[in-house]
Amino acid sequence: MAWKNITVEIDGVSFLSHVNDKVFTIPFSAGLGVGDNFKAGGKNYAVASVENFMDRNEILIIQRNEVKNDKPKTRRNDNQAGGKDVELQSDDGRPSED
């Protein structure tokens, strides 16, 4: 699988990054550590492991775990259409008289 460019958001700050399956390369300045969370591609991730590539303080190699949002989704509003009292009409289309 090839590396892809992706934008990673950490505490509201965006960083240009690369991803290859479960591995991210993120700039060292992001300051991520094990257990920290970040967002990429509309998903939330937790850092499983961090490696300072070649100890050069330039790039962090991040192994990630996806954080699942297991909260139940709110229901949609009830359908408000219908439910009105409809006056009965006879076969000729005129309102019936009781």
C-alpha atoms as a PDB file:
ATOM      1  CA  MET A   1       0.000   0.000   0.000  1.00  0.00           C
ATOM      2  CA  ALA A   2       1.299   3.452  -0.897  1.00  0.00           C
ATOM      3  CA  TRP A   3       1.649   6.414   1.414  1.00  0.00           C
ATOM      4  CA  LYS A   4      -1.099   9.028   1.109  1.00  0.00           C
ATOM      5  CA  ASN A   5      -1.134  12.685   2.108  1.00  0.00           C
ATOM      6  CA  ILE A   6      -3.598  13.517   4.865  1.00  0.00           C
ATOM      7  CA  THR A   7      -4.284  16.415   7.204  1.00  0.00           C
ATOM      8  CA  VAL A   8      -4.180  15.563  10.903  1.00  0.00           C
ATOM      9  CA  GLU A   9      -5.887  17.741  13.510  1.00  0.00           C
ATOM     10  CA  ILE A  10      -4.485  17.822  17.041  1.00  0.00           C
ATOM     11  CA  ASP A  11      -6.147  20.119  19.588  1.00  0.00           C
ATOM     12  CA  GLY A  12      -7.503  22.351  16.815  1.00  0.00           C
ATOM     13  CA  VAL A  13      -4.148  22.648  14.991  1.00  0.00           C
ATOM     14  CA  SER A  14      -3.756  21.039  11.545  1.00  0.00           C
ATOM     15  CA  PHE A  15      -0.592  19.269  10.389  1.00  0.00           C
ATOM     16  CA  LEU A  16       0.246  17.868   6.960  1.00  0.00           C
ATOM     17  CA  SER A  17       0.927  14.176   7.418  1.00  0.00           C
ATOM     18  CA  HIS A  18       1.208  10.861   5.597  1.00  0.00           C
ATOM     19  CA  VAL A  19      -0.638   7.610   6.251  1.00  0.00           C
ATOM     20  CA  ASN A  20      -0.056   3.998   5.265  1.00  0.00           C
ATOM     21  CA  ASP A  21      -2.682   1.652   6.732  1.00  0.00           C
ATOM     22  CA  LYS A  22      -2.215   1.975  10.535  1.00  0.00           C
ATOM     23  CA  VAL A  23       0.952   4.070  10.436  1.00  0.00           C
ATOM     24  CA  PHE A  24       1.043   7.877  10.382  1.00  0.00           C
ATOM     25  CA  THR A  25       4.063  10.116   9.975  1.00  0.00           C
ATOM     26  CA  ILE A  26       3.427  13.384  11.778  1.00  0.00           C
ATOM     27  CA  PRO A  27       5.735  16.364  12.319  1.00  0.00           C
ATOM     28  CA  PHE A  28       7.652  16.233  15.603  1.00  0.00           C
ATOM     29  CA  SER A  29       6.271  19.661  16.521  1.00  0.00           C
ATOM     30  CA  ALA A  30       2.829  18.072  17.023  1.00  0.00           C
ATOM     31  CA  GLY A  31       4.147  16.694  20.304  1.00  0.00           C
ATOM     32  CA  LEU A  32       2.038  13.531  20.345  1.00  0.00           C
ATOM     33  CA  GLY A  33       2.632  10.854  22.960  1.00  0.00           C
ATOM     34  CA  VAL A  34       1.198   7.423  23.712  1.00  0.00           C
ATOM     35  CA  GLY A  35      -2.470   7.712  24.686  1.00  0.00           C
ATOM     36  CA  ASP A  36      -2.991  11.105  22.999  1.00  0.00           C
ATOM     37  CA  ASN A  37      -5.842  11.524  20.518  1.00  0.00           C
ATOM     38  CA  PHE A  38      -5.938  13.060  17.048  1.00  0.00           C
ATOM     39  CA  LYS A  39      -8.374  13.338  14.148  1.00  0.00           C
ATOM     40  CA  ALA A  40      -7.688  12.439  10.522  1.00  0.00           C
ATOM     41  CA  GLY A  41     -10.011  11.776   7.613  1.00  0.00           C
ATOM     42  CA  GLY A  42     -13.101  12.371   9.740  1.00  0.00           C
ATOM     43  CA  LYS A  43     -12.147   9.664  12.279  1.00  0.00           C
ATOM     44  CA  ASN A  44     -10.714   9.849  15.772  1.00  0.00           C
ATOM     45  CA  TYR A  45      -7.575   7.913  16.656  1.00  0.00           C
ATOM     46  CA  ALA A  46      -5.570   7.149  19.788  1.00  0.00           C
ATOM     47  CA  VAL A  47      -1.774   6.885  19.676  1.00  0.00           C
ATOM     48  CA  ALA A  48      -0.673   3.299  20.421  1.00  0.00           C
ATOM     49  CA  SER A  49       3.075   3.856  19.964  1.00  0.00           C
ATOM     50  CA  VAL A  50       5.417   6.692  18.992  1.00  0.00           C
ATOM     51  CA  GLU A  51       8.872   6.547  17.418  1.00  0.00           C
ATOM     52  CA  ASN A  52      11.089   9.597  16.898  1.00  0.00           C
ATOM     53  CA  PHE A  53      12.414   8.720  13.429  1.00  0.00           C
ATOM     54  CA  MET A  54      16.239   8.487  13.552  1.00  0.00           C
ATOM     55  CA  ASP A  55      16.158  10.581  16.794  1.00  0.00           C
ATOM     56  CA  ARG A  56      16.253  13.698  14.610  1.00  0.00           C
ATOM     57  CA  ASN A  57      13.228  15.441  16.186  1.00  0.00           C
ATOM     58  CA  GLU A  58      11.685  15.948  12.748  1.00  0.00           C
ATOM     59  CA  ILE A  59       9.115  13.196  12.232  1.00  0.00           C
ATOM     60  CA  LEU A  60       7.123  10.984  14.583  1.00  0.00           C
ATOM     61  CA  ILE A  61       6.077   7.556  13.359  1.00  0.00           C
ATOM     62  CA  ILE A  62       2.731   6.840  14.997  1.00  0.00           C
ATOM     63  CA  GLN A  63       0.987   3.482  15.343  1.00  0.00           C
ATOM     64  CA  ARG A  64      -2.693   4.246  15.895  1.00  0.00           C
ATOM     65  CA  ASN A  65      -5.891   2.652  17.164  1.00  0.00           C
ATOM     66  CA  GLU A  66      -9.243   3.909  15.949  1.00  0.00           C
ATOM     67  CA  VAL A  67     -11.493   5.348  18.648  1.00  0.00           C
ATOM     68  CA  LYS A  68     -15.062   4.210  18.077  1.00  0.00           C
ATOM     69  CA  ASN A  69     -17.924   6.510  18.967  1.00  0.00           C
ATOM     70  CA  ASP A  70     -20.379   4.062  20.546  1.00  0.00           C
ATOM     71  CA  LYS A  71     -22.798   6.720  21.713  1.00  0.00           C
ATOM     72  CA  PRO A  72     -26.328   6.168  20.443  1.00  0.00           C
ATOM     73  CA  LYS A  73     -27.485   8.531  17.764  1.00  0.00           C
ATOM     74  CA  THR A  74     -30.440  10.771  18.454  1.00  0.00           C
ATOM     75  CA  ARG A  75     -33.689   9.962  16.754  1.00  0.00           C
ATOM     76  CA  ARG A  76     -35.141  12.056  14.029  1.00  0.00           C
ATOM     77  CA  ASN A  77     -38.127  14.242  14.794  1.00  0.00           C
ATOM     78  CA  ASP A  78     -41.520  12.604  14.446  1.00  0.00           C
ATOM     79  CA  ASN A  79     -43.203  13.138  11.132  1.00  0.00           C
ATOM     80  CA  GLN A  80     -45.486  16.134  11.574  1.00  0.00           C
ATOM     81  CA  ALA A  81     -47.391  15.499   8.341  1.00  0.00           C
ATOM     82  CA  GLY A  82     -50.919  14.256   8.681  1.00  0.00           C
ATOM     83  CA  GLY A  83     -52.847  13.845  11.873  1.00  0.00           C
ATOM     84  CA  LYS A  84     -55.165  16.744  11.039  1.00  0.00           C
ATOM     85  CA  ASP A  85     -58.875  16.206  11.284  1.00  0.00           C
ATOM     86  CA  VAL A  86     -60.209  15.806   7.781  1.00  0.00           C
ATOM     87  CA  GLU A  87     -63.830  16.584   7.091  1.00  0.00           C
ATOM     88  CA  LEU A  88     -65.667  13.691   5.459  1.00  0.00           C
ATOM     89  CA  GLN A  89     -66.987  14.257   1.994  1.00  0.00           C
ATOM     90  CA  SER A  90     -69.739  12.489   0.136  1.00  0.00           C
ATOM     91  CA  ASP A  91     -69.253  10.915  -3.261  1.00  0.00           C
ATOM     92  CA  ASP A  92     -70.057  14.205  -4.994  1.00  0.00           C
ATOM     93  CA  GLY A  93     -67.069  15.951  -3.349  1.00  0.00           C
ATOM     94  CA  ARG A  94     -69.140  18.222  -1.159  1.00  0.00           C
ATOM     95  CA  PRO A  95     -68.820  18.276   2.622  1.00  0.00           C
ATOM     96  CA  SER A  96     -71.335  16.046   4.273  1.00  0.00           C
ATOM     97  CA  GLU A  97     -73.971  17.558   6.490  1.00  0.00           C
ATOM     98  CA  ASP A  98     -74.674  15.776   9.740  1.00  0.00           C
END
